[in-house]
Amino acid sequence: MKSSVVTCGVLSKAELRELSGVPSEERLGKGPVAVVECNQEIPCNPCQAACPRQAIRVDELTSVPVLDEEKCNGCGSCVAPCPGLAIFVVDMTYSDSEALVTMPYEFLPYPEERETVDALDRSGRRICEGTIEKVRASKKNDRTAVVSVVVPKAYGMEARAIRRSRS
């Protein structure tokens, strides 16, 4: 059977569970942590180089990243350097009812803090409303901003992009 990435361009939930960069439910309950949704066996390792805690390793240049969830503190240093836009930081402990999802953002203009946006799933479908908590744009990130969006907790592991309203 072909993978869902091959058939529709999006990882299935089963494929996500198999990735070595997706933290356990237990770890998600302890605070912010990187979620590495990379399944590409290509020459790439900027996430490993970006991590100050050495929580992400790429054993061979063409192997998928492996997350050491106990070393990761969710700092987000790995989000912008990923050329595949496949790394997020999820904080399921943000509040009793909300999660904070930090993601790469490569569109202009950047969203504003406290702006209401549509949160999108991996396939680009709207799943809920979100609120921009923080926008970090740095020249060192080569035009990739890092945006943190507050979403209902049920969508913390689903929200992977945002869409601004067309006003």
Protein backbone atom coordinates (compact mmCIF):
# COMPACT_ATOMS: atom_id res chain seq x y z
CA MET A 1 0.00 0.00 0.00
CA LYS A 2 1.30 3.44 -0.92
CA SER A 3 1.91 5.99 1.78
CA SER A 4 -0.54 8.86 2.07
CA VAL A 5 2.35 11.24 1.35
CA VAL A 6 2.65 9.61 -2.08
CA THR A 7 -1.08 9.49 -2.76
CA CYS A 8 -2.20 12.87 -1.37
CA GLY A 9 0.91 14.73 -0.17
CA VAL A 10 0.00 14.58 3.53
CA LEU A 11 1.19 12.25 6.27
CA SER A 12 -1.56 10.09 7.76
CA LYS A 13 -1.99 9.81 11.55
CA ALA A 14 -0.53 6.30 11.39
CA GLU A 15 2.51 7.56 9.47
CA LEU A 16 3.00 10.39 11.96
CA ARG A 17 3.03 7.90 14.86
CA GLU A 18 5.86 6.02 13.12
CA LEU A 19 8.14 9.06 12.84
CA SER A 20 11.08 9.29 15.23
CA GLY A 21 10.56 13.03 15.62
CA VAL A 22 7.06 13.00 17.08
CA PRO A 23 7.01 13.13 20.89
CA SER A 24 4.97 10.79 23.05
CA GLU A 25 1.67 11.80 24.63
CA GLU A 26 3.42 11.70 28.00
CA ARG A 27 6.08 14.18 26.85
CA LEU A 28 3.47 16.44 25.26
CA GLY A 29 1.90 16.72 28.71
CA LYS A 30 5.11 18.10 30.25
CA GLY A 31 5.40 21.38 28.33
CA PRO A 32 6.64 22.74 25.01
CA VAL A 33 8.42 20.25 22.76
CA ALA A 34 9.51 20.08 19.13
CA VAL A 35 7.44 17.98 16.75
CA VAL A 36 9.55 16.90 13.78
CA GLU A 37 7.18 15.77 11.02
CA CYS A 38 9.93 14.97 8.53
CA ASN A 39 9.84 11.68 6.65
CA GLN A 40 12.19 12.71 3.85
CA GLU A 41 15.35 10.65 3.52
CA ILE A 42 17.30 13.40 1.78
CA PRO A 43 20.63 15.09 2.52
CA CYS A 44 19.51 17.56 5.18
CA ASN A 45 20.43 18.33 8.79
CA PRO A 46 19.97 22.03 9.68
CA CYS A 47 17.62 21.05 12.53
CA GLN A 48 20.44 19.14 14.19
CA ALA A 49 22.84 22.05 13.81
CA ALA A 50 20.26 24.54 15.15
CA CYS A 51 19.42 22.68 18.36
CA PRO A 52 21.38 24.11 21.32
CA ARG A 53 20.49 21.09 23.49
CA GLN A 54 21.41 18.44 20.91
CA ALA A 55 17.86 17.09 21.14
CA ILE A 56 17.63 16.43 17.39
CA ARG A 57 20.06 14.16 15.63
CA VAL A 58 20.39 12.98 12.07
CA ASP A 59 22.36 9.75 12.23
CA GLU A 60 23.29 9.77 8.56
CA LEU A 61 22.91 12.75 6.28
CA THR A 62 20.05 11.01 4.47
CA SER A 63 18.19 9.64 7.50
CA VAL A 64 15.12 11.24 9.08
CA PRO A 65 15.66 13.30 12.23
CA VAL A 66 15.36 11.64 15.62
CA LEU A 67 14.03 13.68 18.55
CA ASP A 68 15.32 13.08 22.06
CA GLU A 69 12.15 14.30 23.74
CA GLU A 70 13.74 14.42 27.18
CA LYS A 71 16.47 16.82 26.04
CA CYS A 72 14.08 19.08 24.12
CA ASN A 73 12.78 22.14 25.98
CA GLY A 74 10.72 23.50 23.08
CA CYS A 75 12.92 26.56 22.51
CA GLY A 76 12.01 26.63 18.79
CA SER A 77 15.53 27.11 17.43
CA CYS A 78 14.88 24.28 14.96
CA VAL A 79 11.64 25.66 13.44
CA ALA A 80 12.88 28.30 10.96
CA PRO A 81 16.02 26.48 9.73
CA CYS A 82 14.01 23.49 8.42
CA PRO A 83 13.78 23.96 4.63
CA GLY A 84 10.86 21.53 4.50
CA LEU A 85 8.78 23.56 7.01
CA ALA A 86 8.31 20.27 8.88
CA ILE A 87 9.16 21.27 12.45
CA PHE A 88 6.75 22.76 14.97
CA VAL A 89 6.77 23.34 18.70
CA VAL A 90 3.63 22.28 20.54
CA ASP A 91 2.80 23.29 24.09
CA MET A 92 -0.20 21.27 25.20
CA THR A 93 0.19 22.77 28.72
CA TYR A 94 -0.37 26.36 27.57
CA SER A 95 -3.72 26.48 29.43
CA ASP A 96 -6.47 24.12 30.54
CA SER A 97 -8.33 24.53 27.25
CA GLU A 98 -5.73 25.79 24.76
CA ALA A 99 -2.47 24.72 23.14
CA LEU A 100 0.25 26.93 21.70
CA VAL A 101 1.59 25.84 18.30
CA THR A 102 4.74 27.48 16.97
CA MET A 103 5.26 27.16 13.23
CA PRO A 104 7.24 28.56 10.31
CA TYR A 105 5.57 31.32 8.28
CA GLU A 106 6.86 32.51 4.89
CA PHE A 107 4.27 35.03 3.69
CA LEU A 108 4.18 38.82 3.76
CA PRO A 109 2.92 40.74 5.51
CA TYR A 110 3.44 38.93 8.76
CA PRO A 111 0.43 38.51 11.04
CA GLU A 112 0.04 40.79 14.04
CA GLU A 113 0.05 39.66 17.66
CA ARG A 114 -3.52 39.09 18.94
CA GLU A 115 -4.79 38.76 15.35
CA THR A 116 -7.50 36.15 14.81
CA VAL A 117 -6.61 33.65 12.07
CA ASP A 118 -7.84 30.39 10.61
CA ALA A 119 -5.78 27.43 11.83
CA LEU A 120 -5.25 24.88 9.08
CA ASP A 121 -4.44 21.17 9.20
CA ARG A 122 -1.68 19.44 7.24
CA SER A 123 -3.79 19.39 4.07
CA GLY A 124 -4.64 23.11 4.28
CA ARG A 125 -8.21 22.69 5.52
CA ARG A 126 -9.55 25.09 8.15
CA ILE A 127 -9.95 23.27 11.47
CA CYS A 128 -10.52 26.08 13.96
CA GLU A 129 -9.95 29.70 14.82
CA GLY A 130 -6.66 30.70 16.39
CA THR A 131 -5.08 33.80 17.90
CA ILE A 132 -1.55 34.93 17.14
CA GLU A 133 0.45 35.02 20.37
CA LYS A 134 3.87 35.94 19.01
CA VAL A 135 5.66 36.68 15.74
CA ARG A 136 9.45 36.39 15.53
CA ALA A 137 11.13 37.57 12.35
CA SER A 138 14.91 37.49 12.28
CA LYS A 139 17.36 38.15 9.48
CA LYS A 140 19.24 35.01 10.49
CA ASN A 141 16.13 32.98 9.59
CA ASP A 142 16.34 34.08 5.94
CA ARG A 143 12.79 35.41 5.59
CA THR A 144 11.12 32.60 7.55
CA ALA A 145 9.21 34.05 10.46
CA VAL A 146 8.24 31.92 13.43
CA VAL A 147 4.63 32.38 14.48
CA SER A 148 3.00 31.09 17.66
CA VAL A 149 -0.76 30.60 17.54
CA VAL A 150 -3.17 29.70 20.33
CA VAL A 151 -5.70 27.04 19.34
CA PRO A 152 -8.18 24.86 21.24
CA LYS A 153 -6.25 22.02 22.89
CA ALA A 154 -7.99 19.42 20.70
CA TYR A 155 -6.18 20.89 17.68
CA GLY A 156 -2.69 21.23 19.17
CA MET A 157 -1.35 18.27 17.20
CA GLU A 158 -3.36 19.14 14.08
CA ALA A 159 -2.84 22.88 13.47
CA ARG A 160 0.14 23.24 11.14
CA ALA A 161 -0.47 26.48 9.23
CA ILE A 162 -2.51 29.65 9.43
CA ARG A 163 -4.54 31.71 7.00
CA ARG A 164 -5.12 35.38 7.59
CA SER A 165 -8.51 36.87 6.76
CA ARG A 166 -8.81 38.79 3.53
CA SER A 167 -9.85 42.18 4.79
